[in-house]
Amino acid sequence: MRLTGVALFFLVSLFTMPLLAEKEREMPVGVYLSWELANAYAELNGRPITEFLDGSLELCRQKGVNTLWVTNIDPGDLPMVQELCHKHAIRLVANACEGKADSYYVDEAAPLRASLERMHAVATSTLDYWIISDEPEGRHVPNLAKYAGLLRQHDPGRGCALVVTLHMIDQIIGKVPLDMAAVDPYPFFGPDDPNGPHTAEASIAHFRRVGEHFVDVCRAAAVEPWMMPQSFAEIWGGYRYGEDGMLFAQSGSYLHWMTPTVEQIRWQVFESLRQGAQGIVFFQLFPTMLPAAGSQAMPDVPWKDVLLKKETAAGFGALLTIYGKTTPQFDELGRLYPVLKRHSKLFREASPAPAVPKWFSSLPEKVRWAAFQMHGEGEVFVVLVNDDFERPAVVRLSAEHLADLVTGRSQCTAIELPPGGGAILVQERR
């Protein structure tokens, strides 16, 4: 579901965090963890959860991760996760209420306040944001607004955040008092899936349309926008894992989402930057649960013509395998995340440039670009993205003294964008 060629330039207008502005911090680049998966795979690998998570977070640190977004955790486990995050120099975003998302919408303030107090009692300075909801609906706005108000009273020093779906952006953002929000427009559906984009062109258009609108709405509401790109697969029906951790969808099952390729992973990073995201957290770190015995009934769905006719490899289904090993997708993030961290200030303090720099002598049709400028009359930089997941794109430059911050090359006269890749161009000081 993705092959075309476009490289994009764009706009990164980043305003500082309302509650955490006093903290000099890197651009948040991270991973999402459903807490029950960490426990499940620690048990599978015969290791205590503390030891298993310690090893997993060390791998994250090696890949440049500085943010862990964890959900479904309780006050008993939060201290251990905070301690390990601190050890590996990783900031934490965690659910503010115990249990799963349903408990976020309770009507009575007393149980909610008690739950907040239990979580807050064990929170440390490693935790930057409390998550008040994961994909709420419009009907939840009144309770979420109360929830956010209680949170601000109880813990005013931390940010208030949530994840919103594409359909709820306008109903949630600006209606609930938030400091940060993430959107999850997962773009890579299975082959011929009638429920979502399953070609390169459709996947690109979907992610771009949702992300651009989300960032615009967040800016208008003074909410910091983060993107939550896709690194997972989802299968309805039968599936199994191979000896190396490869996920296989069995014949007759519905392959709802495909694991993005390395090219699609890098594209989501550059496209998120293009849209103006101030943080990037991939969903998710570990694959879907091992199938339980007797739980693999084939789906009874109306779109039976797209059910798999034979067993199909669906990728590793996450950034780490079921055995806690890194995947090629995580290796690619390990190349890109350090670049974004090194230039955090550039992204956080830039706005669209008032004039377009004339830096190109030849720009392929499938390359897009945008220019940005540091506050005042500061440094100008340009971001490019190649929408083609199969072919590189060569951009020829006419201006002198240009450097690409992604590759570290200086005095560039031409740059080659890899499939799905991008560049960040600056004019070197002379």
Foldseek 3Di string as FASTA:
>chain_A
DAFDWAKAKAWAEFAAFPQCNVDDAFQAEAFEEEPVLLVQLCVVQVHPSLVLVLLLLLLRLLLQHQEYEYEQDALVCVLSVLVSSVVSNHAYEYAQFHGAQVVLQDPDVVVLLVRNCSNVVRDDPSYAEHESHEADALVSLVSQQVSVVSCCVVPVNHWYEYEHELVCLVSHQLSHDGRAYEYEQEQDFDPPDPPHDHYSVRSVVSLLVSLLVNVVSCVVNNHAYEYAYEQFWDKQADWAADPVQWIKDFFLIGGTGAGDDLLQLQLSVLSNLRSNHSHYYYPHAEYDRGDDPPPGHHDDDPVSVRGHHGMDTRGNGHQAGSNSHGDVNSNSSSLVSVLSRVCRLVSNQKGFDPDDDQWFPDDDPNKHKGKIAGPDRHWIKMKMWISGQPAKTKTATDDFFKAWSSVRDTRDRMDIAGRGHMTMITHDDD
